[in-house]
Protein backbone atom coordinates (compact mmCIF):
# COMPACT_ATOMS: atom_id res chain seq x y z
CA MET A 1 261.33 -175.17 -8.50
CA THR A 2 262.23 -174.55 -11.96
CA GLY A 3 265.66 -173.90 -13.63
CA GLU A 4 268.28 -175.48 -15.62
CA GLY A 5 269.41 -179.08 -15.16
CA TRP A 6 265.56 -179.73 -13.31
CA PRO A 7 263.88 -182.73 -14.86
CA LEU A 8 260.97 -181.39 -17.17
CA SER A 9 258.31 -183.83 -16.92
CA GLU A 10 254.69 -183.93 -18.39
CA GLY A 11 251.64 -185.31 -17.25
CA ALA A 12 250.41 -186.56 -13.68
CA ASP A 13 254.34 -186.77 -12.34
CA ALA A 14 254.89 -183.37 -13.25
CA PHE A 15 253.88 -181.69 -10.06
CA LEU A 16 255.67 -184.33 -8.22
CA LEU A 17 259.15 -183.90 -9.71
CA HIS A 18 258.72 -179.82 -9.79
CA LEU A 19 259.12 -179.17 -5.85
CA PRO A 20 258.37 -175.81 -4.93
CA ASP A 21 261.07 -173.46 -4.27
CA TRP A 22 260.44 -173.33 -0.07
CA ALA A 23 261.77 -177.36 -0.35
CA PHE A 24 265.25 -176.73 -0.89
CA PRO A 25 268.50 -175.00 -0.35
CA ARG A 26 269.81 -172.32 -3.42
CA VAL A 27 272.33 -175.00 -3.89
CA TRP A 28 271.45 -177.99 -4.72
CA PRO A 29 272.91 -181.07 -2.91
CA GLU A 30 274.97 -183.21 -4.85
CA ARG A 31 274.25 -186.03 -2.82
CA PHE A 32 270.96 -186.81 -0.32
CA GLY A 33 269.88 -189.04 2.36
CA VAL A 34 266.60 -190.99 2.09
CA ALA A 35 265.00 -192.75 4.52
CA VAL A 36 262.84 -195.27 3.66
CA SER A 37 260.41 -197.29 5.84
CA GLY A 38 258.02 -199.42 2.82
CA GLY A 39 255.41 -198.04 3.23
CA SER A 40 253.73 -195.40 0.69
CA ASP A 41 254.99 -192.45 1.09
CA SER A 42 258.28 -193.26 1.64
CA LEU A 43 259.06 -195.66 -0.94
CA ALA A 44 257.26 -193.18 -3.62
CA LEU A 45 259.83 -190.50 -2.06
CA LEU A 46 262.75 -192.97 -2.72
CA HIS A 47 261.73 -193.62 -6.24
CA LEU A 48 261.31 -189.82 -7.03
CA PHE A 49 263.95 -188.81 -5.86
CA ALA A 50 266.15 -191.27 -7.77
CA ARG A 51 264.66 -189.89 -10.72
CA ILE A 52 266.07 -186.26 -9.79
CA GLN A 53 268.92 -187.23 -8.83
CA ALA A 54 269.90 -189.41 -11.97
CA HIS A 55 268.50 -186.51 -13.99
CA ARG A 56 270.63 -184.05 -12.07
CA GLY A 57 274.13 -186.40 -11.90
CA GLY A 58 274.00 -186.90 -7.91
CA THR A 59 273.32 -189.48 -5.65
CA LEU A 60 271.12 -191.06 -3.71
CA HIS A 61 271.40 -193.33 -0.73
CA ALA A 62 268.66 -194.65 1.21
CA VAL A 63 268.59 -196.28 5.08
CA THR A 64 265.87 -198.40 6.56
CA VAL A 65 265.73 -198.22 10.44
CA ASP A 66 264.37 -201.53 12.17
CA HIS A 67 263.28 -200.89 15.57
CA ARG A 68 262.76 -204.10 16.46
CA LEU A 69 258.92 -203.35 18.13
CA ARG A 70 257.88 -206.24 15.56
CA PRO A 71 259.00 -209.63 13.72
CA GLU A 72 258.38 -208.26 10.08
CA ALA A 73 260.48 -205.13 10.12
CA ALA A 74 263.56 -206.80 9.37
CA GLU A 75 261.92 -208.70 6.11
CA GLU A 76 260.92 -205.20 5.33
CA ALA A 77 263.75 -203.84 5.72
CA ARG A 78 264.99 -206.36 3.13
CA PHE A 79 262.08 -205.85 0.82
CA VAL A 80 263.57 -201.90 0.40
CA ALA A 81 267.17 -203.23 0.22
CA GLY A 82 265.78 -205.38 -2.98
CA ILE A 83 264.16 -201.90 -4.49
CA CYS A 84 266.87 -199.98 -3.85
CA ALA A 85 269.06 -202.76 -5.61
CA GLY A 86 267.40 -201.91 -8.57
CA LEU A 87 266.67 -198.65 -8.60
CA GLY A 88 271.32 -198.50 -7.87
CA VAL A 89 270.52 -197.08 -5.01
CA SER A 90 272.84 -197.62 -1.88
CA HIS A 91 271.43 -199.08 1.11
CA ASP A 92 272.13 -199.44 4.84
CA THR A 93 269.87 -201.12 7.68
CA LEU A 94 270.19 -199.76 11.00
CA VAL A 95 269.04 -201.52 14.01
CA TRP A 96 267.72 -199.65 17.43
CA ASP A 97 268.88 -202.02 19.91
CA HIS A 98 266.39 -201.48 22.77
CA GLY A 99 265.97 -202.34 26.34
CA ARG A 100 262.49 -202.07 28.11
CA ILE A 101 260.62 -199.31 27.06
CA ASP A 102 258.61 -197.33 29.38
CA GLY A 103 256.54 -194.35 28.32
CA ASN A 104 255.90 -193.23 25.15
CA LEU A 105 256.51 -195.42 22.55
CA GLN A 106 255.89 -193.93 18.89
CA ASP A 107 258.27 -190.85 20.48
CA GLN A 108 261.12 -192.92 21.60
CA ALA A 109 260.74 -194.60 18.42
CA ARG A 110 260.90 -191.52 16.54
CA ARG A 111 263.46 -189.71 18.25
CA ALA A 112 265.95 -192.98 18.37
CA ARG A 113 265.35 -193.17 14.79
CA TYR A 114 266.44 -189.84 14.02
CA ASP A 115 269.41 -190.21 16.30
CA LEU A 116 270.06 -193.53 14.08
CA ILE A 117 270.05 -191.68 10.85
CA GLY A 118 271.83 -188.75 11.89
CA ALA A 119 275.05 -190.85 12.84
CA TRP A 120 274.62 -192.57 9.46
CA ALA A 121 274.41 -189.28 7.16
CA ARG A 122 277.43 -188.22 9.00
CA ASP A 123 279.27 -190.92 9.07
CA ARG A 124 278.65 -191.12 5.06
CA GLY A 125 279.61 -187.32 4.67
CA ILE A 126 275.71 -186.85 3.75
CA GLY A 127 274.61 -183.03 4.49
CA SER A 128 270.96 -183.64 3.71
CA VAL A 129 268.31 -185.90 4.36
CA VAL A 130 264.85 -186.65 2.86
CA LEU A 131 262.02 -187.52 4.99
CA GLY A 132 258.60 -189.07 3.37
CA HIS A 133 255.51 -187.01 5.07
CA THR A 134 253.00 -185.92 3.65
CA ALA A 135 249.98 -183.59 3.75
CA ASP A 136 248.18 -186.25 5.31
CA ASP A 137 250.75 -186.32 8.16
CA GLN A 138 250.73 -182.48 8.98
CA ALA A 139 246.63 -182.74 9.41
CA GLU A 140 246.79 -185.58 11.90
CA THR A 141 249.48 -183.87 13.66
CA PHE A 142 247.04 -180.77 13.25
CA LEU A 143 244.41 -182.68 14.92
CA MET A 144 246.67 -184.36 18.09
CA GLY A 145 247.46 -180.72 19.07
CA LEU A 146 243.89 -179.87 19.15
CA ALA A 147 243.15 -182.66 21.22
CA ARG A 148 245.60 -181.32 23.81
CA GLY A 149 244.83 -177.90 24.24
CA ALA A 150 248.12 -176.68 22.24
CA GLY A 151 249.25 -173.38 21.43
CA ILE A 152 250.06 -171.88 18.67
CA ASP A 153 253.99 -173.57 18.24
CA GLY A 154 251.29 -176.81 18.77
CA LEU A 155 248.84 -176.41 15.52
CA CYS A 156 251.67 -175.35 13.16
CA GLY A 157 252.54 -178.94 12.30
CA MET A 158 255.59 -180.44 11.27
CA ARG A 159 258.56 -178.23 10.07
CA ARG A 160 259.56 -178.45 6.16
CA GLY A 161 262.98 -178.24 7.24
CA TRP A 162 265.40 -177.62 9.71
CA GLU A 163 268.93 -178.58 10.82
CA GLU A 164 270.38 -180.61 13.76
CA GLY A 165 273.55 -182.26 14.26
CA GLY A 166 275.10 -180.71 11.46
CA ILE A 167 272.53 -182.55 8.86
CA ARG A 168 269.87 -180.42 6.89
CA TRP A 169 266.75 -182.62 7.40
CA LEU A 170 263.32 -181.77 4.35
CA ARG A 171 260.35 -183.07 4.14
CA PRO A 172 259.58 -182.19 0.49
CA TYR A 173 256.18 -183.54 0.19
CA LEU A 174 254.29 -182.37 3.45
CA THR A 175 252.16 -180.42 1.14
CA VAL A 176 251.06 -183.25 -1.25
CA PRO A 177 248.23 -185.93 -0.21
CA ARG A 178 249.05 -189.05 0.56
CA ALA A 179 246.90 -190.21 -2.27
CA ASP A 180 248.70 -188.42 -4.56
CA LEU A 181 251.66 -190.37 -3.82
CA ARG A 182 249.69 -193.96 -3.71
CA ALA A 183 248.50 -192.98 -6.95
CA TYR A 184 252.08 -192.22 -8.00
CA LEU A 185 253.11 -195.90 -7.29
CA THR A 186 250.30 -197.28 -8.37
CA ARG A 187 250.66 -195.61 -12.29
CA HIS A 188 253.97 -197.11 -11.97
CA GLY A 189 253.01 -200.69 -10.86
CA ILE A 190 254.80 -200.53 -7.59
CA THR A 191 253.74 -202.25 -4.31
CA TRP A 192 254.52 -201.13 -1.12
CA VAL A 193 254.08 -202.55 2.83
CA ASP A 194 251.08 -201.87 5.14
CA ASP A 195 252.63 -201.51 8.66
CA PRO A 196 249.97 -203.07 10.61
CA SER A 197 250.10 -200.82 13.78
CA ASN A 198 249.24 -197.43 11.58
CA ALA A 199 245.57 -199.28 12.19
CA ASP A 200 246.28 -199.77 16.20
CA ASP A 201 243.89 -197.59 17.72
CA ARG A 202 246.41 -197.30 20.84
CA PHE A 203 248.18 -194.55 19.10
CA GLN A 204 247.38 -191.16 18.70
CA ARG A 205 247.77 -190.57 15.52
CA VAL A 206 245.75 -193.45 14.11
CA LYS A 207 243.05 -191.87 16.20
CA ALA A 208 243.58 -188.58 14.57
CA ARG A 209 243.75 -190.34 11.01
CA LYS A 210 240.20 -191.90 11.74
CA VAL A 211 238.40 -188.37 13.03
CA LEU A 212 239.99 -187.04 9.77
CA ALA A 213 238.18 -189.27 7.33
CA ALA A 214 234.69 -188.88 9.86
CA LEU A 215 235.25 -184.90 9.26
CA LYS A 216 235.13 -185.03 5.43
CA PRO A 217 232.19 -184.54 4.88
CA LEU A 218 231.80 -181.13 6.92
CA GLY A 219 234.40 -179.87 4.43
CA ILE A 220 237.20 -180.31 6.89
CA THR A 221 239.63 -182.14 4.45
CA VAL A 222 243.62 -183.15 4.35
CA GLU A 223 244.20 -179.89 2.21
CA GLY A 224 242.34 -177.42 4.22
CA LEU A 225 243.92 -178.78 7.53
CA SER A 226 247.31 -178.17 5.67
CA ALA A 227 246.48 -175.27 4.14
CA VAL A 228 245.62 -174.15 8.10
CA THR A 229 248.64 -174.98 8.92
CA ASP A 230 251.02 -173.16 6.80
CA THR A 231 248.60 -169.42 8.10
CA LEU A 232 249.62 -170.47 11.77
CA SER A 233 253.40 -170.55 10.72
CA ILE A 234 253.18 -167.46 9.02
CA ALA A 235 252.10 -166.03 12.66
CA GLN A 236 254.19 -168.05 14.48
CA GLY A 237 257.21 -166.41 12.71
CA ALA A 238 256.45 -163.27 13.37
CA LEU A 239 256.28 -164.38 16.82
CA LYS A 240 259.65 -165.82 16.99
CA SER A 241 261.39 -162.69 15.24
CA ALA A 242 260.06 -160.51 18.54
CA ALA A 243 260.68 -162.89 20.80
CA VAL A 244 264.75 -163.06 18.90
CA GLU A 245 264.60 -159.73 18.80
CA ARG A 246 263.92 -159.19 22.74
CA ALA A 247 266.26 -161.21 23.54
CA SER A 248 269.16 -159.54 22.55
CA ALA A 249 268.14 -156.94 24.51
CA ILE A 250 267.83 -158.57 27.66
CA LEU A 251 269.37 -162.04 27.76
CA ARG A 252 273.41 -162.14 27.88
CA SER A 253 274.70 -165.82 28.32
CA ALA A 254 278.40 -166.72 29.52
CA ALA A 255 280.13 -170.22 30.57
CA GLY A 256 277.02 -172.27 29.95
CA GLU A 257 274.74 -169.56 32.24
CA VAL A 258 271.76 -167.77 31.02
CA ILE A 259 271.01 -164.03 32.68
CA LEU A 260 268.16 -162.34 32.14
CA ASP A 261 267.42 -158.54 33.07
CA ARG A 262 264.15 -159.09 35.57
CA GLN A 263 263.21 -155.56 34.87
CA GLY A 264 263.35 -155.70 31.15
CA PHE A 265 262.12 -159.25 31.25
CA ARG A 266 258.78 -158.19 34.05
CA LEU A 267 258.40 -155.38 30.85
CA THR A 268 258.28 -157.84 27.94
CA HIS A 269 255.12 -159.13 26.35
CA PRO A 270 253.98 -162.93 28.38
CA GLU A 271 253.81 -164.37 24.77
CA THR A 272 257.42 -163.33 24.43
CA ALA A 273 258.71 -163.74 27.79
CA ARG A 274 257.59 -167.24 27.81
CA ARG A 275 259.33 -167.81 24.05
CA ILE A 276 262.51 -166.44 25.80
CA LEU A 277 262.17 -168.58 29.07
CA ILE A 278 261.68 -171.68 27.07
CA ALA A 279 264.79 -171.29 25.13
CA ALA A 280 266.84 -170.63 27.79
CA LEU A 281 265.53 -173.15 29.49
CA ARG A 282 266.31 -175.98 26.34
CA TRP A 283 269.51 -174.09 26.11
CA ALA A 284 271.11 -174.89 29.32
CA SER A 285 269.79 -178.57 29.52
CA SER A 286 269.67 -179.15 25.86
CA ALA A 287 266.14 -180.45 26.22
CA ALA A 288 264.81 -181.10 22.92
CA TYR A 289 261.51 -179.94 24.08
CA ALA A 290 259.79 -177.69 26.02
CA PRO A 291 258.58 -178.00 29.49
CA ARG A 292 254.73 -178.55 30.06
CA ALA A 293 252.71 -175.45 29.88
CA VAL A 294 251.53 -175.67 33.74
CA GLN A 295 255.62 -176.34 34.44
CA LEU A 296 256.03 -173.10 32.91
CA ASP A 297 253.42 -171.46 34.33
CA ARG A 298 254.69 -172.31 37.78
CA LEU A 299 258.21 -171.23 36.60
CA GLN A 300 256.80 -167.51 35.82
CA GLN A 301 255.02 -167.34 38.72
CA ALA A 302 257.88 -167.90 40.63
CA ILE A 303 260.11 -165.01 38.75
CA TRP A 304 257.32 -162.76 39.79
CA GLN A 305 257.26 -163.47 42.99
CA GLY A 306 260.99 -163.16 43.38
CA ARG A 307 261.67 -166.65 43.81
CA ASP A 308 264.27 -169.19 43.19
CA ALA A 309 263.04 -172.30 41.51
CA THR A 310 263.74 -175.60 39.08
CA LEU A 311 262.56 -177.40 36.62
CA TRP A 312 263.73 -179.06 33.26
CA GLY A 313 267.10 -179.71 35.25
CA CYS A 314 267.76 -176.12 35.75
CA ARG A 315 267.75 -174.09 38.86
CA LEU A 316 267.13 -170.86 38.99
CA ARG A 317 268.19 -167.91 40.53
CA VAL A 318 266.17 -164.39 41.19
CA SER A 319 267.66 -161.27 42.34
CA GLU A 320 266.52 -157.85 42.58
CA THR A 321 267.82 -157.44 38.64
CA GLU A 322 268.89 -160.10 37.33
CA ILE A 323 267.29 -163.98 36.64
CA ARG A 324 269.92 -166.52 36.35
CA ILE A 325 269.64 -170.00 34.64
CA THR A 326 272.13 -172.39 34.93
CA ARG A 327 272.37 -176.47 34.90
CA GLU A 328 271.38 -178.15 38.29
CA PRO A 329 273.72 -179.75 40.01
CA LYS A 330 272.20 -183.00 40.70
CA ALA A 331 271.14 -183.26 36.78
CA VAL A 332 275.35 -183.64 35.96
CA ALA A 333 276.24 -185.27 38.86
CA ALA A 334 276.49 -188.54 37.69
CA LEU A 335 277.62 -187.80 34.19
CA ALA A 336 280.84 -188.54 32.85
CA THR A 337 282.51 -189.14 29.61
CA PRO A 338 285.27 -189.18 26.96
CA THR A 339 286.92 -186.41 26.97
CA ASP A 340 286.35 -186.57 23.03
CA ALA A 341 283.08 -186.98 23.58
CA ILE A 342 279.88 -184.38 23.58
CA TRP A 343 279.16 -183.87 27.52
CA ASP A 344 275.85 -183.22 28.66
CA GLY A 345 274.93 -182.78 25.02
CA ARG A 346 276.40 -179.11 24.14
CA TRP A 347 279.99 -179.21 25.64
CA ARG A 348 282.87 -179.64 23.67
CA LEU A 349 286.44 -180.42 25.08
CA THR A 350 290.20 -179.65 23.48
CA GLY A 351 292.91 -180.42 24.80
CA PRO A 352 295.60 -183.64 25.27
CA HIS A 353 293.00 -186.30 24.90
CA HIS A 354 294.01 -189.34 27.27
CA ALA A 355 292.11 -192.39 27.46
CA ASP A 356 292.29 -192.27 31.07
CA LEU A 357 290.96 -188.88 31.56
CA ARG A 358 286.98 -188.27 31.45
CA ILE A 359 284.89 -185.09 31.29
CA ARG A 360 282.61 -184.91 34.34
CA ALA A 361 281.06 -181.40 36.60
CA LEU A 362 283.72 -179.26 38.64
CA GLY A 363 281.47 -179.69 41.44
CA ALA A 364 281.91 -177.78 44.84
CA GLU A 365 284.44 -180.18 45.43
CA GLY A 366 286.85 -179.69 42.61
CA LEU A 367 286.11 -175.73 43.01
CA ARG A 368 287.93 -175.62 46.17
CA ALA A 369 290.94 -176.76 44.40
CA CYS A 370 290.53 -173.70 41.59
CA LYS A 371 291.99 -171.29 44.25
CA ALA A 372 291.44 -168.54 41.42
CA TRP A 373 287.81 -169.03 40.47
CA ARG A 374 286.51 -166.09 41.72
CA ASP A 375 288.87 -163.53 39.47
CA THR A 376 287.18 -165.12 37.05
CA GLY A 377 284.05 -163.30 37.58
CA ILE A 378 281.76 -166.10 36.54
CA SER A 379 279.25 -166.91 39.33
CA ARG A 380 279.46 -170.58 41.30
CA ALA A 381 276.13 -171.29 40.65
CA ALA A 382 277.91 -171.64 36.53
CA LEU A 383 281.08 -172.77 37.57
CA VAL A 384 280.69 -176.00 40.04
CA VAL A 385 278.03 -177.41 36.86
CA SER A 386 280.60 -176.35 34.15
CA PRO A 387 282.70 -179.07 32.67
CA ALA A 388 286.31 -180.23 34.26
CA VAL A 389 288.38 -182.53 33.09
CA TRP A 390 289.33 -185.56 35.72
CA ARG A 391 291.74 -188.32 35.94
CA GLY A 392 289.91 -190.44 39.14
CA LYS A 393 289.60 -188.49 42.03
CA THR A 394 291.72 -185.76 40.61
CA LEU A 395 291.09 -182.61 38.71
CA VAL A 396 293.34 -182.11 35.64
CA ALA A 397 291.92 -179.01 34.16
CA ALA A 398 288.90 -176.51 34.60
CA PRO A 399 288.81 -174.29 31.71
CA PHE A 400 286.33 -171.82 33.14
CA ALA A 401 287.46 -171.68 37.28
CA GLY A 402 291.42 -170.49 35.88
CA HIS A 403 292.83 -173.84 35.90
CA GLY A 404 292.92 -174.63 32.14
CA ALA A 405 295.89 -176.66 32.07
CA GLY A 406 295.93 -176.28 28.32
CA TRP A 407 292.14 -177.55 28.05
CA THR A 408 289.52 -175.22 26.38
CA ALA A 409 285.53 -175.50 26.62
CA GLU A 410 282.75 -174.53 23.80
CA ILE A 411 278.98 -174.96 23.61
CA VAL A 412 278.34 -176.84 20.34
CA THR A 413 274.14 -176.03 20.35
CA GLY A 414 275.00 -172.11 19.64
CA GLN A 415 273.43 -169.64 21.53
CA PRO A 416 270.68 -169.09 23.45
CA CYS A 417 268.54 -167.36 20.93
CA THR A 418 269.06 -169.81 18.26
CA LEU A 419 266.66 -171.89 20.24
CA ILE A 420 263.33 -169.41 20.04
CA THR A 421 263.67 -169.86 16.05
CA HIS A 422 263.54 -173.76 16.71
């Protein structure tokens, strides 16, 4: 990226300071957050953006997440804090308070990290956060996708940028090899921390890293695989655009329910239909990821055969003319939050909040108390899983069931079509 106010640097640092146009929005944010672990990639990012922001007159705010998974992590956070103090960059350490961790440790730690950093940024009015992922991470992600037989979405690698939770997340050095960032640190006499987990063969990414090194004599390099993911991303974009266009013709939503025209869905190209179905399931369930391919195949079989089914916390009802997707009742049966909190990951209620009120699903019992619910035109299946306001066992309001009582409800995650592009 070039233009007025951009730091003009000659020599070896120049290409790291002149970022490509895709890396940032046209209007440069005055405040950036930067996630720093103390490793080489994030430490180079910290130093480079401290220079960039100083030149542009903006501010930089750093954050480190201590996952409490290694005893050295607290000392590493203090190491980063000291570097930030020397650069004049504010720094915060966030702690992941967790109990026993079952399942995929790295995936859960990653999710917790994004949740913590997102909340940190929102609290400080920071709208953009930069991350230190490199072309090496992109190549490793490609190999991991290849190993599990992923389709085009799994082989496109990491996204360069996306918006989530009101934060713009950016990976400005995703096309830059790690070696180049380490060379930058070495030129400037900057040391970094090596995380021992990066050499732990229990983790798939570490295995991919070693395979990548073994493939180099064949001409399969970080730069080459990064270019492959770029090419696949272009094809992925075309598929997403086709799915959005088709969804606009065969899909609508009402009160949290997705309604698909069955005949239109049957006439849709299988790849496009798959993308629309995934978006509908994720929208209805607030899931961050799509179901596994084998699960989705079974669901599509049920649709072709005209059978009802459940998947991903959702219930599908198939009629001659429609496919209706709602939340599965048991998925929200025990879910209760204060009325000023987001319920089920997507519902926000507005009304006379009070500490003794809770949002829970309306349920069959609550629906019986709403005598005019049939007049709403909303299906019973959608209403029983819609948000309602309760005081103990007493129904106070059911915004969608004809019993508003001064309350309204809205979905804060956009429309189903928006998830096709994410």
